[in-house]
């Protein structure tokens, strides 16, 4: 998490990622506990949740059924929590090969997308956010834009 508090740029991180979950190096219960540590901190009340990275952009691409990735359509896309939950429910029972048939899903994400989607949903629930804005750009881009 990166956020501003009292004019200062703050950050917090825990070693929870889609790859670690997919490879079962970390259980979902352990991951949930670690993620909960993030929301125990004094966070700003009014936040805009912005997601950067492959899981977010892949979900935005899937939601739009993009046959080819288009950063202009993905950047700024609003993912609703209900749709993230829907995709998690769809993805979990599928094999990697079955996931490859989903329009918008990039092959390199097929094996880890359920884990990444679970993390996104956990953060949306913990931060009590109904939507997350997807960024096709990285965190540094956002910091430079703000500066």
N, C-alpha and C. Protein backbone atom coordinates (compact mmCIF):
# COMPACT_ATOMS: atom_id res chain seq x y z
N UNK A 1 0.84 -1.17 0.00
CA UNK A 1 0.00 0.00 0.00
C UNK A 1 0.88 1.23 0.00
N UNK A 2 0.50 2.19 -0.80
CA UNK A 2 1.16 3.49 -0.79
C UNK A 2 0.05 4.52 -0.62
N UNK A 3 0.23 5.42 0.32
CA UNK A 3 -0.81 6.41 0.60
C UNK A 3 -0.18 7.65 1.20
N UNK A 4 -0.97 8.72 1.23
CA UNK A 4 -0.49 9.96 1.79
C UNK A 4 -1.18 10.19 3.13
N UNK A 5 -0.39 10.59 4.11
CA UNK A 5 -0.92 10.88 5.44
C UNK A 5 -0.19 12.10 5.99
N UNK A 6 -0.96 13.09 6.36
CA UNK A 6 -0.38 14.34 6.87
C UNK A 6 0.68 14.91 5.94
N UNK A 7 0.43 14.84 4.65
CA UNK A 7 1.34 15.39 3.66
C UNK A 7 2.56 14.53 3.37
N UNK A 8 2.68 13.43 4.06
CA UNK A 8 3.81 12.53 3.88
C UNK A 8 3.40 11.32 3.05
N UNK A 9 4.31 10.85 2.23
CA UNK A 9 4.08 9.63 1.47
C UNK A 9 4.44 8.44 2.35
N UNK A 10 3.49 7.55 2.56
CA UNK A 10 3.68 6.40 3.43
C UNK A 10 3.54 5.12 2.61
N UNK A 11 4.17 4.08 3.08
CA UNK A 11 4.05 2.80 2.40
C UNK A 11 4.05 1.68 3.43
N UNK A 12 3.42 0.59 3.02
CA UNK A 12 3.38 -0.59 3.86
C UNK A 12 3.31 -1.80 2.95
N UNK A 13 3.97 -2.85 3.34
CA UNK A 13 4.02 -4.03 2.49
C UNK A 13 4.12 -5.28 3.34
N UNK A 14 3.60 -6.36 2.79
CA UNK A 14 3.76 -7.67 3.40
C UNK A 14 4.14 -8.64 2.28
N UNK A 15 4.88 -9.67 2.61
CA UNK A 15 5.34 -10.61 1.57
C UNK A 15 4.25 -11.62 1.14
N UNK A 16 3.19 -11.08 0.56
CA UNK A 16 2.08 -11.90 0.07
C UNK A 16 1.94 -11.63 -1.42
N UNK A 17 2.01 -12.67 -2.22
CA UNK A 17 1.87 -12.49 -3.66
C UNK A 17 1.19 -13.68 -4.30
N UNK A 18 0.74 -13.47 -5.52
CA UNK A 18 0.02 -14.51 -6.27
C UNK A 18 0.88 -15.74 -6.50
N UNK A 19 2.15 -15.55 -6.78
CA UNK A 19 3.03 -16.69 -7.05
C UNK A 19 3.21 -17.53 -5.79
N UNK A 20 3.47 -16.88 -4.66
CA UNK A 20 3.65 -17.62 -3.40
C UNK A 20 2.40 -18.43 -3.05
N UNK A 21 1.23 -17.84 -3.28
CA UNK A 21 -0.02 -18.56 -2.99
C UNK A 21 -0.24 -19.70 -3.98
N UNK A 22 0.00 -19.43 -5.26
CA UNK A 22 -0.21 -20.46 -6.29
C UNK A 22 0.72 -21.64 -6.10
N UNK A 23 1.94 -21.37 -5.66
CA UNK A 23 2.92 -22.44 -5.45
C UNK A 23 2.82 -23.05 -4.05
N UNK A 24 1.82 -22.59 -3.29
CA UNK A 24 1.54 -23.09 -1.95
C UNK A 24 2.72 -22.94 -1.00
N UNK A 25 3.53 -21.90 -1.21
CA UNK A 25 4.59 -21.58 -0.25
C UNK A 25 4.00 -20.83 0.94
N UNK A 26 2.77 -20.40 0.77
CA UNK A 26 2.05 -19.62 1.78
C UNK A 26 0.60 -20.06 1.72
N UNK A 27 0.00 -20.36 2.85
CA UNK A 27 -1.41 -20.76 2.84
C UNK A 27 -2.28 -19.51 2.76
N UNK A 28 -3.51 -19.70 2.34
CA UNK A 28 -4.43 -18.56 2.23
C UNK A 28 -4.74 -18.00 3.61
N UNK A 29 -4.76 -18.84 4.63
CA UNK A 29 -4.99 -18.37 6.00
C UNK A 29 -3.82 -17.50 6.47
N UNK A 30 -2.60 -17.95 6.17
CA UNK A 30 -1.42 -17.15 6.52
C UNK A 30 -1.42 -15.82 5.77
N UNK A 31 -1.77 -15.89 4.50
CA UNK A 31 -1.81 -14.67 3.68
C UNK A 31 -2.84 -13.69 4.21
N UNK A 32 -4.03 -14.20 4.57
CA UNK A 32 -5.08 -13.32 5.11
C UNK A 32 -4.59 -12.63 6.38
N UNK A 33 -3.95 -13.38 7.25
CA UNK A 33 -3.44 -12.81 8.49
C UNK A 33 -2.42 -11.71 8.21
N UNK A 34 -1.54 -11.94 7.25
CA UNK A 34 -0.53 -10.93 6.90
C UNK A 34 -1.19 -9.70 6.28
N UNK A 35 -2.17 -9.90 5.41
CA UNK A 35 -2.87 -8.77 4.79
C UNK A 35 -3.61 -7.94 5.84
N UNK A 36 -4.16 -8.60 6.85
CA UNK A 36 -4.88 -7.88 7.90
C UNK A 36 -3.95 -6.93 8.66
N UNK A 37 -2.67 -7.26 8.70
CA UNK A 37 -1.71 -6.37 9.37
C UNK A 37 -1.65 -5.02 8.66
N UNK A 38 -1.84 -5.03 7.34
CA UNK A 38 -1.80 -3.78 6.58
C UNK A 38 -2.93 -2.83 6.98
N UNK A 39 -4.10 -3.38 7.22
CA UNK A 39 -5.25 -2.52 7.49
C UNK A 39 -5.37 -2.15 8.96
N UNK A 40 -4.47 -2.65 9.80
CA UNK A 40 -4.45 -2.25 11.21
C UNK A 40 -3.78 -0.89 11.39
N UNK A 41 -3.06 -0.47 10.37
CA UNK A 41 -2.35 0.81 10.45
C UNK A 41 -3.34 1.96 10.30
N UNK A 42 -2.98 3.15 10.77
CA UNK A 42 -3.87 4.30 10.60
C UNK A 42 -3.87 4.77 9.13
N UNK A 43 -4.86 4.35 8.40
CA UNK A 43 -4.96 4.70 6.98
C UNK A 43 -5.91 5.88 6.81
N UNK A 44 -5.75 6.65 5.74
CA UNK A 44 -6.67 7.75 5.49
C UNK A 44 -8.11 7.23 5.37
N UNK A 45 -9.07 8.05 5.80
CA UNK A 45 -10.48 7.65 5.75
C UNK A 45 -11.01 7.60 4.32
N UNK A 46 -10.69 8.62 3.55
CA UNK A 46 -11.21 8.74 2.19
C UNK A 46 -10.12 8.30 1.21
N UNK A 47 -10.27 7.11 0.66
CA UNK A 47 -9.23 6.61 -0.23
C UNK A 47 -9.79 6.27 -1.59
N UNK A 48 -8.92 6.33 -2.57
CA UNK A 48 -9.20 5.83 -3.91
C UNK A 48 -8.26 4.65 -4.09
N UNK A 49 -8.82 3.49 -4.23
CA UNK A 49 -8.01 2.28 -4.36
C UNK A 49 -7.62 2.12 -5.81
N UNK A 50 -6.31 2.09 -6.06
CA UNK A 50 -5.78 1.93 -7.41
C UNK A 50 -4.91 0.67 -7.42
N UNK A 51 -5.19 -0.20 -8.37
CA UNK A 51 -4.43 -1.44 -8.47
C UNK A 51 -3.48 -1.41 -9.64
N UNK A 52 -2.22 -1.72 -9.36
CA UNK A 52 -1.22 -1.81 -10.42
C UNK A 52 -0.71 -3.25 -10.46
N UNK A 53 -0.32 -3.68 -11.60
CA UNK A 53 0.25 -5.02 -11.72
C UNK A 53 -0.60 -5.94 -12.56
N UNK A 54 -0.06 -7.11 -12.79
CA UNK A 54 -0.64 -8.06 -13.73
C UNK A 54 -2.02 -8.58 -13.39
N UNK A 55 -2.29 -8.85 -12.12
CA UNK A 55 -3.62 -9.36 -11.77
C UNK A 55 -4.68 -8.33 -12.10
N UNK A 56 -4.44 -7.09 -11.71
CA UNK A 56 -5.43 -6.03 -11.95
C UNK A 56 -5.67 -5.81 -13.44
N UNK A 57 -4.58 -5.71 -14.19
CA UNK A 57 -4.74 -5.45 -15.63
C UNK A 57 -5.36 -6.64 -16.35
N UNK A 58 -5.04 -7.84 -15.89
CA UNK A 58 -5.63 -9.04 -16.49
C UNK A 58 -7.13 -9.09 -16.20
N UNK A 59 -7.54 -8.80 -14.98
CA UNK A 59 -8.97 -8.79 -14.65
C UNK A 59 -9.72 -7.74 -15.46
N UNK A 60 -9.12 -6.57 -15.64
CA UNK A 60 -9.76 -5.53 -16.45
C UNK A 60 -9.89 -5.97 -17.90
N UNK A 61 -8.89 -6.65 -18.39
CA UNK A 61 -8.92 -7.16 -19.76
C UNK A 61 -9.98 -8.24 -19.93
N UNK A 62 -10.08 -9.12 -18.94
CA UNK A 62 -11.09 -10.18 -18.96
C UNK A 62 -12.49 -9.57 -18.90
N UNK A 63 -12.68 -8.62 -18.02
CA UNK A 63 -13.99 -7.98 -17.88
C UNK A 63 -14.45 -7.37 -19.19
N UNK A 64 -13.52 -6.86 -19.97
CA UNK A 64 -13.85 -6.22 -21.25
C UNK A 64 -13.78 -7.19 -22.42
N UNK A 65 -13.44 -8.45 -22.12
CA UNK A 65 -13.32 -9.50 -23.13
C UNK A 65 -12.41 -9.07 -24.29
N UNK A 66 -11.28 -8.48 -23.92
CA UNK A 66 -10.33 -8.01 -24.93
C UNK A 66 -9.60 -9.18 -25.56
N UNK A 67 -9.68 -9.29 -26.85
CA UNK A 67 -8.97 -10.36 -27.55
C UNK A 67 -7.47 -10.07 -27.59
N UNK A 68 -7.14 -8.79 -27.66
CA UNK A 68 -5.74 -8.34 -27.58
C UNK A 68 -5.66 -7.28 -26.50
N UNK A 69 -4.60 -7.30 -25.74
CA UNK A 69 -4.43 -6.33 -24.66
C UNK A 69 -4.38 -4.92 -25.21
N UNK A 70 -5.12 -4.02 -24.59
CA UNK A 70 -5.13 -2.61 -24.98
C UNK A 70 -5.01 -1.77 -23.71
N UNK A 71 -3.81 -1.26 -23.48
CA UNK A 71 -3.54 -0.48 -22.28
C UNK A 71 -4.45 0.73 -22.12
N UNK A 72 -4.89 1.31 -23.23
CA UNK A 72 -5.77 2.48 -23.15
C UNK A 72 -7.15 2.10 -22.62
N UNK A 73 -7.60 0.89 -22.91
CA UNK A 73 -8.90 0.44 -22.40
C UNK A 73 -8.78 -0.08 -20.96
N UNK A 74 -7.62 -0.57 -20.62
CA UNK A 74 -7.40 -1.11 -19.28
C UNK A 74 -7.14 0.00 -18.27
N UNK A 75 -6.33 0.99 -18.65
CA UNK A 75 -5.95 2.06 -17.74
C UNK A 75 -7.19 2.89 -17.36
N UNK A 76 -7.45 2.96 -16.07
CA UNK A 76 -8.60 3.71 -15.57
C UNK A 76 -9.87 2.88 -15.45
N UNK A 77 -9.82 1.62 -15.87
CA UNK A 77 -11.00 0.77 -15.79
C UNK A 77 -11.39 0.55 -14.33
N UNK A 78 -12.67 0.58 -14.06
CA UNK A 78 -13.18 0.38 -12.70
C UNK A 78 -13.63 -1.07 -12.52
N UNK A 79 -12.94 -1.79 -11.65
CA UNK A 79 -13.34 -3.15 -11.32
C UNK A 79 -14.24 -3.11 -10.09
N UNK A 80 -15.38 -3.71 -10.19
CA UNK A 80 -16.30 -3.78 -9.05
C UNK A 80 -15.98 -5.02 -8.21
N UNK A 81 -16.15 -4.89 -6.92
CA UNK A 81 -15.87 -5.99 -6.01
C UNK A 81 -16.73 -7.21 -6.35
N UNK A 82 -17.96 -7.00 -6.74
CA UNK A 82 -18.83 -8.12 -7.09
C UNK A 82 -18.28 -8.89 -8.28
N UNK A 83 -17.65 -8.19 -9.22
CA UNK A 83 -17.08 -8.86 -10.39
C UNK A 83 -15.77 -9.56 -10.04
N UNK A 84 -15.00 -8.99 -9.16
CA UNK A 84 -13.77 -9.66 -8.72
C UNK A 84 -14.16 -10.97 -8.02
N UNK A 85 -15.19 -10.91 -7.18
CA UNK A 85 -15.67 -12.12 -6.50
C UNK A 85 -16.20 -13.14 -7.52
N UNK A 86 -16.91 -12.65 -8.53
CA UNK A 86 -17.42 -13.52 -9.58
C UNK A 86 -16.28 -14.25 -10.28
N UNK A 87 -15.25 -13.50 -10.67
CA UNK A 87 -14.13 -14.12 -11.39
C UNK A 87 -13.37 -15.10 -10.50
N UNK A 88 -13.24 -14.79 -9.24
CA UNK A 88 -12.58 -15.73 -8.33
C UNK A 88 -13.36 -17.04 -8.28
N UNK A 89 -14.67 -16.95 -8.16
CA UNK A 89 -15.51 -18.15 -8.13
C UNK A 89 -15.39 -18.95 -9.42
N UNK A 90 -15.29 -18.26 -10.55
CA UNK A 90 -15.14 -18.93 -11.84
C UNK A 90 -13.77 -19.59 -12.00
N UNK A 91 -12.73 -18.86 -11.61
CA UNK A 91 -11.35 -19.30 -11.86
C UNK A 91 -10.89 -20.45 -10.98
N UNK A 92 -11.33 -20.47 -9.74
CA UNK A 92 -10.83 -21.46 -8.78
C UNK A 92 -11.00 -22.91 -9.24
N UNK A 93 -12.17 -23.32 -9.72
CA UNK A 93 -12.31 -24.73 -10.10
C UNK A 93 -11.71 -25.08 -11.46
N UNK A 94 -11.32 -24.08 -12.25
CA UNK A 94 -10.79 -24.34 -13.59
C UNK A 94 -9.35 -24.82 -13.56
N UNK A 95 -9.00 -25.61 -14.55
CA UNK A 95 -7.60 -25.97 -14.75
C UNK A 95 -6.91 -24.80 -15.46
N UNK A 96 -5.61 -24.82 -15.47
CA UNK A 96 -4.86 -23.78 -16.19
C UNK A 96 -5.26 -23.77 -17.66
N UNK A 97 -5.42 -24.93 -18.25
CA UNK A 97 -5.79 -25.03 -19.66
C UNK A 97 -7.17 -24.44 -19.91
N UNK A 98 -8.10 -24.68 -19.00
CA UNK A 98 -9.45 -24.12 -19.14
C UNK A 98 -9.41 -22.60 -19.04
N UNK A 99 -8.58 -22.08 -18.17
CA UNK A 99 -8.49 -20.62 -18.02
C UNK A 99 -7.98 -19.96 -19.30
N UNK A 100 -7.15 -20.66 -20.04
CA UNK A 100 -6.60 -20.09 -21.28
C UNK A 100 -7.67 -19.78 -22.32
N UNK A 101 -8.86 -20.36 -22.17
CA UNK A 101 -9.93 -20.10 -23.13
C UNK A 101 -10.69 -18.81 -22.81
N UNK A 102 -10.39 -18.17 -21.69
CA UNK A 102 -11.09 -16.94 -21.30
C UNK A 102 -10.51 -15.76 -22.07
N UNK A 103 -11.37 -15.05 -22.78
CA UNK A 103 -10.94 -13.87 -23.54
C UNK A 103 -10.35 -12.84 -22.59
N UNK A 104 -9.18 -12.33 -22.93
CA UNK A 104 -8.54 -11.31 -22.12
C UNK A 104 -7.52 -11.84 -21.14
N UNK A 105 -7.52 -13.14 -20.89
CA UNK A 105 -6.58 -13.71 -19.93
C UNK A 105 -5.24 -13.98 -20.64
N UNK A 106 -4.19 -13.39 -20.11
CA UNK A 106 -2.87 -13.59 -20.70
C UNK A 106 -2.32 -14.94 -20.24
N UNK A 107 -1.71 -15.70 -21.15
CA UNK A 107 -1.22 -17.04 -20.81
C UNK A 107 -0.28 -17.08 -19.61
N UNK A 108 0.57 -16.08 -19.44
CA UNK A 108 1.51 -16.10 -18.32
C UNK A 108 0.82 -15.89 -16.97
N UNK A 109 -0.46 -15.53 -16.95
CA UNK A 109 -1.21 -15.33 -15.72
C UNK A 109 -2.14 -16.50 -15.42
N UNK A 110 -2.30 -17.41 -16.34
CA UNK A 110 -3.30 -18.47 -16.20
C UNK A 110 -3.15 -19.29 -14.92
N UNK A 111 -1.91 -19.55 -14.51
CA UNK A 111 -1.72 -20.38 -13.33
C UNK A 111 -1.82 -19.62 -12.02
N UNK A 112 -1.55 -18.31 -12.03
CA UNK A 112 -1.54 -17.55 -10.77
C UNK A 112 -2.71 -16.59 -10.61
N UNK A 113 -3.54 -16.44 -11.65
CA UNK A 113 -4.64 -15.47 -11.58
C UNK A 113 -5.62 -15.74 -10.44
N UNK A 114 -6.00 -16.97 -10.15
CA UNK A 114 -6.91 -17.16 -9.01
C UNK A 114 -6.32 -16.62 -7.70
N UNK A 115 -5.05 -16.89 -7.46
CA UNK A 115 -4.41 -16.40 -6.24
C UNK A 115 -4.36 -14.88 -6.20
N UNK A 116 -3.98 -14.27 -7.31
CA UNK A 116 -3.94 -12.81 -7.38
C UNK A 116 -5.32 -12.20 -7.21
N UNK A 117 -6.32 -12.83 -7.80
CA UNK A 117 -7.70 -12.34 -7.68
C UNK A 117 -8.17 -12.42 -6.24
N UNK A 118 -7.79 -13.49 -5.56
CA UNK A 118 -8.13 -13.63 -4.15
C UNK A 118 -7.52 -12.49 -3.33
N UNK A 119 -6.28 -12.16 -3.61
CA UNK A 119 -5.61 -11.07 -2.89
C UNK A 119 -6.34 -9.74 -3.14
N UNK A 120 -6.68 -9.47 -4.39
CA UNK A 120 -7.40 -8.23 -4.72
C UNK A 120 -8.72 -8.17 -3.95
N UNK A 121 -9.45 -9.27 -3.95
CA UNK A 121 -10.74 -9.30 -3.24
C UNK A 121 -10.55 -9.09 -1.74
N UNK A 122 -9.53 -9.73 -1.17
CA UNK A 122 -9.27 -9.55 0.27
C UNK A 122 -9.00 -8.09 0.60
N UNK A 123 -8.18 -7.44 -0.21
CA UNK A 123 -7.86 -6.04 0.06
C UNK A 123 -9.08 -5.14 -0.11
N UNK A 124 -9.90 -5.40 -1.12
CA UNK A 124 -11.12 -4.60 -1.30
C UNK A 124 -12.04 -4.76 -0.10
N UNK A 125 -12.17 -6.00 0.39
CA UNK A 125 -13.03 -6.23 1.55
C UNK A 125 -12.46 -5.60 2.80
N UNK A 126 -11.16 -5.77 3.03
CA UNK A 126 -10.54 -5.23 4.24
C UNK A 126 -10.55 -3.71 4.26
N UNK A 127 -10.42 -3.11 3.08
CA UNK A 127 -10.42 -1.64 2.99
C UNK A 127 -11.82 -1.09 2.74
N UNK A 128 -12.80 -1.98 2.72
CA UNK A 128 -14.21 -1.62 2.53
C UNK A 128 -14.42 -0.77 1.27
N UNK A 129 -13.87 -1.28 0.16
CA UNK A 129 -13.98 -0.58 -1.12
C UNK A 129 -14.80 -1.42 -2.09
N UNK A 130 -15.76 -0.78 -2.74
CA UNK A 130 -16.62 -1.47 -3.71
C UNK A 130 -16.02 -1.48 -5.11
N UNK A 131 -15.06 -0.58 -5.37
CA UNK A 131 -14.41 -0.55 -6.67
C UNK A 131 -12.91 -0.33 -6.50
N UNK A 132 -12.18 -0.74 -7.52
CA UNK A 132 -10.75 -0.48 -7.59
C UNK A 132 -10.47 0.01 -9.01
N UNK A 133 -9.72 1.09 -9.11
CA UNK A 133 -9.34 1.64 -10.40
C UNK A 133 -8.05 0.95 -10.85
N UNK A 134 -8.06 0.44 -12.06
CA UNK A 134 -6.91 -0.28 -12.58
C UNK A 134 -5.97 0.70 -13.28
N UNK A 135 -4.70 0.56 -13.00
CA UNK A 135 -3.69 1.37 -13.67
C UNK A 135 -2.83 0.48 -14.55
N UNK A 136 -2.70 0.89 -15.79
CA UNK A 136 -1.82 0.19 -16.73
C UNK A 136 -0.38 0.65 -16.53
N UNK A 137 -0.22 1.65 -15.72
CA UNK A 137 1.11 2.20 -15.43
C UNK A 137 1.58 1.67 -14.08
N UNK A 138 2.81 1.90 -13.77
CA UNK A 138 3.36 1.46 -12.49
C UNK A 138 3.22 2.51 -11.42
N UNK A 139 3.62 2.15 -10.23
CA UNK A 139 3.55 3.05 -9.08
C UNK A 139 4.40 4.31 -9.30
N UNK A 140 5.56 4.15 -9.88
CA UNK A 140 6.44 5.30 -10.12
C UNK A 140 5.76 6.31 -11.03
N UNK A 141 5.03 5.84 -12.03
CA UNK A 141 4.29 6.73 -12.93
C UNK A 141 3.32 7.60 -12.12
N UNK A 142 2.58 6.98 -11.20
CA UNK A 142 1.65 7.73 -10.38
C UNK A 142 2.33 8.75 -9.51
N UNK A 143 3.46 8.40 -8.94
CA UNK A 143 4.20 9.33 -8.09
C UNK A 143 4.75 10.48 -8.92
N UNK A 144 5.24 10.20 -10.12
CA UNK A 144 5.74 11.27 -10.98
C UNK A 144 4.61 12.17 -11.44
N UNK A 145 3.47 11.59 -11.76
CA UNK A 145 2.33 12.37 -12.20
C UNK A 145 1.88 13.32 -11.09
N UNK A 146 1.86 12.83 -9.85
CA UNK A 146 1.46 13.66 -8.73
C UNK A 146 2.46 14.79 -8.49
N UNK A 147 3.77 14.48 -8.67
CA UNK A 147 4.80 15.48 -8.44
C UNK A 147 4.71 16.55 -9.52
